[in-house]
N, C-alpha and C. Protein backbone atom coordinates (compact mmCIF):
# COMPACT_ATOMS: atom_id res chain seq x y z
N UNK A 1 66.70 289.33 80.91
CA UNK A 1 65.76 289.80 81.91
C UNK A 1 66.52 290.61 82.98
N UNK A 2 66.08 291.80 83.23
CA UNK A 2 66.71 292.66 84.22
C UNK A 2 66.18 292.33 85.61
N UNK A 3 67.09 292.25 86.55
CA UNK A 3 66.70 291.96 87.93
C UNK A 3 66.06 293.17 88.58
N UNK A 4 65.11 292.92 89.46
CA UNK A 4 64.45 293.97 90.23
C UNK A 4 65.12 294.07 91.59
N UNK A 5 64.76 295.11 92.34
CA UNK A 5 65.31 295.29 93.68
C UNK A 5 65.07 294.04 94.52
N UNK A 6 63.89 293.46 94.42
CA UNK A 6 63.59 292.26 95.22
C UNK A 6 64.54 291.11 94.86
N UNK A 7 64.87 290.98 93.59
CA UNK A 7 65.79 289.93 93.16
C UNK A 7 67.20 290.20 93.67
N UNK A 8 67.60 291.48 93.64
CA UNK A 8 68.94 291.83 94.12
C UNK A 8 69.05 291.65 95.63
N UNK A 9 67.98 291.93 96.37
CA UNK A 9 68.00 291.68 97.81
C UNK A 9 68.21 290.20 98.09
N UNK A 10 67.49 289.36 97.38
CA UNK A 10 67.64 287.92 97.56
C UNK A 10 69.05 287.48 97.19
N UNK A 11 69.60 288.06 96.13
CA UNK A 11 70.95 287.73 95.69
C UNK A 11 71.97 288.09 96.78
N UNK A 12 71.82 289.27 97.39
CA UNK A 12 72.72 289.68 98.47
C UNK A 12 72.62 288.68 99.62
N UNK A 13 71.41 288.41 100.04
CA UNK A 13 71.20 287.51 101.17
C UNK A 13 71.81 286.14 100.92
N UNK A 14 71.58 285.60 99.75
CA UNK A 14 72.12 284.29 99.43
C UNK A 14 73.64 284.31 99.30
N UNK A 15 74.18 285.37 98.75
CA UNK A 15 75.64 285.51 98.63
C UNK A 15 76.29 285.50 100.00
N UNK A 16 75.64 286.14 100.97
CA UNK A 16 76.18 286.21 102.33
C UNK A 16 75.86 284.96 103.16
N UNK A 17 75.00 284.10 102.63
CA UNK A 17 74.70 282.85 103.31
C UNK A 17 73.70 282.96 104.45
N UNK A 18 72.82 283.94 104.39
CA UNK A 18 71.83 284.13 105.44
C UNK A 18 70.48 283.54 105.06
N UNK A 19 69.71 283.16 106.07
CA UNK A 19 68.29 282.89 105.87
C UNK A 19 67.60 284.25 105.87
N UNK A 20 66.34 284.29 105.48
CA UNK A 20 65.61 285.57 105.53
C UNK A 20 65.58 286.12 106.95
N UNK A 21 65.35 285.25 107.93
CA UNK A 21 65.27 285.69 109.32
C UNK A 21 66.61 286.28 109.78
N UNK A 22 67.70 285.58 109.50
CA UNK A 22 69.02 286.08 109.91
C UNK A 22 69.36 287.40 109.24
N UNK A 23 69.08 287.48 107.95
CA UNK A 23 69.39 288.71 107.20
C UNK A 23 68.59 289.88 107.76
N UNK A 24 67.30 289.68 107.93
CA UNK A 24 66.45 290.75 108.46
C UNK A 24 66.88 291.16 109.86
N UNK A 25 67.15 290.18 110.70
CA UNK A 25 67.53 290.45 112.09
C UNK A 25 68.83 291.24 112.16
N UNK A 26 69.84 290.82 111.41
CA UNK A 26 71.13 291.51 111.48
C UNK A 26 71.08 292.89 110.83
N UNK A 27 70.14 293.10 109.93
CA UNK A 27 69.97 294.42 109.32
C UNK A 27 69.06 295.32 110.15
N UNK A 28 68.42 294.76 111.17
CA UNK A 28 67.54 295.56 112.02
C UNK A 28 66.18 295.83 111.39
N UNK A 29 65.73 294.89 110.57
CA UNK A 29 64.45 295.03 109.86
C UNK A 29 63.53 293.90 110.32
N UNK A 30 62.26 294.20 110.60
CA UNK A 30 61.34 293.12 110.95
C UNK A 30 61.29 292.07 109.83
N UNK A 31 61.28 290.80 110.22
CA UNK A 31 61.32 289.72 109.23
C UNK A 31 60.16 289.81 108.23
N UNK A 32 58.97 290.07 108.72
CA UNK A 32 57.82 290.12 107.82
C UNK A 32 57.97 291.26 106.81
N UNK A 33 58.56 292.36 107.23
CA UNK A 33 58.80 293.49 106.33
C UNK A 33 59.81 293.09 105.28
N UNK A 34 60.92 292.48 105.72
CA UNK A 34 61.94 292.07 104.76
C UNK A 34 61.40 291.05 103.76
N UNK A 35 60.63 290.08 104.24
CA UNK A 35 60.08 289.06 103.35
C UNK A 35 59.25 289.69 102.24
N UNK A 36 58.47 290.71 102.59
CA UNK A 36 57.66 291.40 101.58
C UNK A 36 58.54 292.11 100.55
N UNK A 37 59.69 292.63 100.99
CA UNK A 37 60.63 293.25 100.05
C UNK A 37 61.14 292.21 99.06
N UNK A 38 61.57 291.07 99.61
CA UNK A 38 62.18 290.05 98.77
C UNK A 38 61.17 289.42 97.81
N UNK A 39 59.93 289.35 98.23
CA UNK A 39 58.88 288.79 97.36
C UNK A 39 58.36 289.81 96.35
N UNK A 40 58.80 291.06 96.49
CA UNK A 40 58.37 292.10 95.57
C UNK A 40 57.00 292.67 95.91
N UNK A 41 56.48 292.37 97.09
CA UNK A 41 55.17 292.89 97.50
C UNK A 41 55.26 294.34 97.94
N UNK A 42 56.39 294.72 98.53
CA UNK A 42 56.64 296.10 98.95
C UNK A 42 58.00 296.53 98.45
N UNK A 43 58.13 297.80 98.16
CA UNK A 43 59.43 298.37 97.79
C UNK A 43 60.02 298.95 99.06
N UNK A 44 61.29 298.62 99.36
CA UNK A 44 61.87 299.12 100.61
C UNK A 44 62.01 300.63 100.63
N UNK A 45 61.64 301.23 101.76
CA UNK A 45 61.85 302.66 101.96
C UNK A 45 63.35 302.90 102.09
N UNK A 46 63.76 304.12 101.84
CA UNK A 46 65.18 304.45 101.84
C UNK A 46 65.84 304.14 103.19
N UNK A 47 65.10 304.25 104.28
CA UNK A 47 65.68 303.95 105.59
C UNK A 47 66.11 302.48 105.65
N UNK A 48 65.33 301.58 105.06
CA UNK A 48 65.67 300.17 105.05
C UNK A 48 66.81 299.89 104.06
N UNK A 49 66.78 300.58 102.93
CA UNK A 49 67.87 300.45 101.96
C UNK A 49 69.19 300.85 102.63
N UNK A 50 69.16 301.96 103.36
CA UNK A 50 70.37 302.42 104.05
C UNK A 50 70.84 301.41 105.09
N UNK A 51 69.90 300.82 105.85
CA UNK A 51 70.25 299.80 106.85
C UNK A 51 70.96 298.63 106.19
N UNK A 52 70.41 298.15 105.10
CA UNK A 52 70.99 297.00 104.40
C UNK A 52 72.35 297.35 103.82
N UNK A 53 72.44 298.48 103.16
CA UNK A 53 73.70 298.86 102.52
C UNK A 53 74.79 299.11 103.56
N UNK A 54 74.45 299.75 104.66
CA UNK A 54 75.44 300.01 105.70
C UNK A 54 75.88 298.73 106.39
N UNK A 55 74.95 297.87 106.73
CA UNK A 55 75.27 296.64 107.47
C UNK A 55 76.13 295.69 106.66
N UNK A 56 75.81 295.58 105.36
CA UNK A 56 76.47 294.56 104.54
C UNK A 56 77.43 295.13 103.50
N UNK A 57 77.71 296.43 103.56
CA UNK A 57 78.65 297.09 102.64
C UNK A 57 78.20 296.94 101.19
N UNK A 58 76.90 297.11 100.98
CA UNK A 58 76.33 296.96 99.65
C UNK A 58 76.34 298.31 98.94
N UNK A 59 76.65 298.28 97.67
CA UNK A 59 76.62 299.46 96.81
C UNK A 59 75.14 299.83 96.59
N UNK A 60 74.74 300.98 97.12
CA UNK A 60 73.33 301.38 97.04
C UNK A 60 72.85 301.54 95.60
N UNK A 61 73.70 302.07 94.74
CA UNK A 61 73.32 302.22 93.34
C UNK A 61 73.03 300.86 92.71
N UNK A 62 73.87 299.87 93.02
CA UNK A 62 73.64 298.53 92.49
C UNK A 62 72.32 297.96 93.02
N UNK A 63 72.07 298.12 94.32
CA UNK A 63 70.85 297.57 94.91
C UNK A 63 69.61 298.17 94.27
N UNK A 64 69.63 299.46 94.04
CA UNK A 64 68.44 300.14 93.51
C UNK A 64 68.30 300.06 91.99
N UNK A 65 69.43 300.05 91.28
CA UNK A 65 69.35 300.13 89.81
C UNK A 65 69.98 298.94 89.08
N UNK A 66 70.83 298.20 89.79
CA UNK A 66 71.54 297.10 89.14
C UNK A 66 72.84 297.53 88.50
N UNK A 67 73.18 298.81 88.58
CA UNK A 67 74.42 299.30 87.97
C UNK A 67 75.55 299.28 88.98
N UNK A 68 76.73 298.89 88.52
CA UNK A 68 77.89 298.81 89.40
C UNK A 68 78.03 297.40 89.96
N UNK A 69 78.78 297.30 91.05
CA UNK A 69 79.02 296.01 91.68
C UNK A 69 78.20 295.88 92.96
N UNK A 70 77.98 294.65 93.38
CA UNK A 70 77.16 294.41 94.57
C UNK A 70 77.76 295.07 95.81
N UNK A 71 79.05 294.85 96.03
CA UNK A 71 79.69 295.37 97.23
C UNK A 71 80.43 296.66 96.92
N UNK A 72 80.50 297.53 97.94
CA UNK A 72 81.25 298.78 97.79
C UNK A 72 82.73 298.45 97.81
N UNK A 73 83.42 298.76 96.75
CA UNK A 73 84.87 298.56 96.70
C UNK A 73 85.26 297.16 97.10
N UNK A 74 86.20 297.08 98.01
CA UNK A 74 86.70 295.80 98.50
C UNK A 74 86.12 295.47 99.87
N UNK A 75 84.96 296.02 100.19
CA UNK A 75 84.41 295.91 101.53
C UNK A 75 83.57 294.67 101.78
N UNK A 76 83.59 293.73 100.86
CA UNK A 76 82.77 292.53 101.05
C UNK A 76 83.15 291.85 102.37
N UNK A 77 82.16 291.63 103.24
CA UNK A 77 82.46 290.96 104.51
C UNK A 77 82.93 289.53 104.25
N UNK A 78 83.89 289.07 105.03
CA UNK A 78 84.34 287.69 104.84
C UNK A 78 83.44 286.73 105.60
N UNK A 79 83.64 285.45 105.37
CA UNK A 79 82.76 284.44 105.96
C UNK A 79 82.79 284.47 107.48
N UNK A 80 83.95 284.83 108.06
CA UNK A 80 84.04 284.87 109.51
C UNK A 80 83.18 285.99 110.09
N UNK A 81 83.21 287.15 109.44
CA UNK A 81 82.36 288.26 109.89
C UNK A 81 80.89 287.86 109.82
N UNK A 82 80.50 287.29 108.69
CA UNK A 82 79.11 286.89 108.50
C UNK A 82 78.71 285.84 109.54
N UNK A 83 79.58 284.85 109.75
CA UNK A 83 79.28 283.79 110.72
C UNK A 83 79.16 284.34 112.13
N UNK A 84 80.07 285.24 112.49
CA UNK A 84 80.05 285.80 113.83
C UNK A 84 78.78 286.62 114.07
N UNK A 85 78.44 287.47 113.12
CA UNK A 85 77.24 288.30 113.28
C UNK A 85 76.00 287.42 113.38
N UNK A 86 75.94 286.39 112.57
CA UNK A 86 74.80 285.48 112.62
C UNK A 86 74.73 284.77 113.96
N UNK A 87 75.87 284.27 114.42
CA UNK A 87 75.93 283.59 115.71
C UNK A 87 75.47 284.51 116.83
N UNK A 88 76.01 285.72 116.86
CA UNK A 88 75.67 286.67 117.91
C UNK A 88 74.19 287.05 117.87
N UNK A 89 73.70 287.34 116.69
CA UNK A 89 72.32 287.82 116.58
C UNK A 89 71.27 286.75 116.78
N UNK A 90 71.66 285.50 116.69
CA UNK A 90 70.69 284.42 116.93
C UNK A 90 70.88 283.79 118.31
N UNK A 91 71.85 284.29 119.06
CA UNK A 91 72.13 283.74 120.39
C UNK A 91 71.12 284.23 121.43
N UNK A 92 70.99 283.46 122.48
CA UNK A 92 70.15 283.87 123.61
C UNK A 92 70.85 285.04 124.32
N UNK A 93 70.12 285.81 125.11
CA UNK A 93 70.76 286.89 125.86
C UNK A 93 71.93 286.40 126.73
N UNK A 94 71.80 285.22 127.31
CA UNK A 94 72.89 284.69 128.14
C UNK A 94 74.13 284.40 127.29
N UNK A 95 73.93 283.81 126.12
CA UNK A 95 75.06 283.52 125.23
C UNK A 95 75.69 284.82 124.72
N UNK A 96 74.86 285.82 124.45
CA UNK A 96 75.40 287.11 124.01
C UNK A 96 76.30 287.70 125.09
N UNK A 97 75.88 287.58 126.33
CA UNK A 97 76.69 288.09 127.45
C UNK A 97 78.02 287.35 127.51
N UNK A 98 77.99 286.03 127.30
CA UNK A 98 79.23 285.24 127.28
C UNK A 98 80.15 285.70 126.16
N UNK A 99 79.58 285.93 124.98
CA UNK A 99 80.37 286.38 123.83
C UNK A 99 81.01 287.74 124.11
N UNK A 100 80.22 288.67 124.66
CA UNK A 100 80.76 290.00 124.98
C UNK A 100 81.89 289.89 125.99
N UNK A 101 81.72 289.04 127.01
CA UNK A 101 82.74 288.85 128.03
C UNK A 101 84.02 288.29 127.40
N UNK A 102 83.88 287.31 126.52
CA UNK A 102 85.02 286.71 125.86
C UNK A 102 85.77 287.73 124.99
N UNK A 103 85.03 288.53 124.23
CA UNK A 103 85.65 289.52 123.36
C UNK A 103 86.33 290.61 124.18
N UNK A 104 85.70 291.02 125.27
CA UNK A 104 86.32 292.02 126.15
C UNK A 104 87.63 291.49 126.71
N UNK A 105 87.64 290.25 127.14
CA UNK A 105 88.85 289.63 127.67
C UNK A 105 89.94 289.56 126.60
N UNK A 106 89.57 289.16 125.40
CA UNK A 106 90.55 289.08 124.31
C UNK A 106 91.11 290.46 123.97
N UNK A 107 90.26 291.47 123.96
CA UNK A 107 90.72 292.83 123.66
C UNK A 107 91.67 293.33 124.74
N UNK A 108 91.35 293.04 125.99
CA UNK A 108 92.23 293.45 127.10
C UNK A 108 93.59 292.76 127.00
N UNK A 109 93.59 291.48 126.66
CA UNK A 109 94.84 290.74 126.49
C UNK A 109 95.68 291.34 125.37
N UNK A 110 95.02 291.70 124.28
CA UNK A 110 95.74 292.28 123.14
C UNK A 110 96.35 293.63 123.52
N UNK A 111 95.60 294.44 124.24
CA UNK A 111 96.13 295.73 124.68
C UNK A 111 97.32 295.55 125.62
N UNK A 112 97.23 294.57 126.51
CA UNK A 112 98.33 294.28 127.43
C UNK A 112 99.57 293.84 126.66
N UNK A 113 99.36 292.97 125.67
CA UNK A 113 100.47 292.45 124.86
C UNK A 113 101.13 293.58 124.08
N UNK A 114 100.33 294.53 123.62
CA UNK A 114 100.86 295.65 122.84
C UNK A 114 101.42 296.74 123.73
N UNK A 115 101.32 296.59 125.04
CA UNK A 115 101.86 297.56 125.97
C UNK A 115 101.06 298.84 126.07
N UNK A 116 99.77 298.75 125.86
CA UNK A 116 98.93 299.95 125.92
C UNK A 116 98.24 300.06 127.24
């Protein structure tokens, strides 16, 4: 049995460890829209395909046709990237501000250490 686009979307989401809500949110797609894609009720427009492929480094040919590999080259995001994006995107605005402040501080420390 050949997988359809809806099946491959679900496979990507599950491989990355996301819920439908997290996957849709981090890809910038309304949850209800994404759910319809995954259920096969709607076929994603190319703008949504591009969002998904760009965000998660998915091989567009594989997503649309099943040919090739799921991820582009060696670009598969690691668990830390996935966890961080999920944490950030599900955080409250106040927590997001804290995260940005922490990352800014860490980046400044790294630049100082490197003498830049």
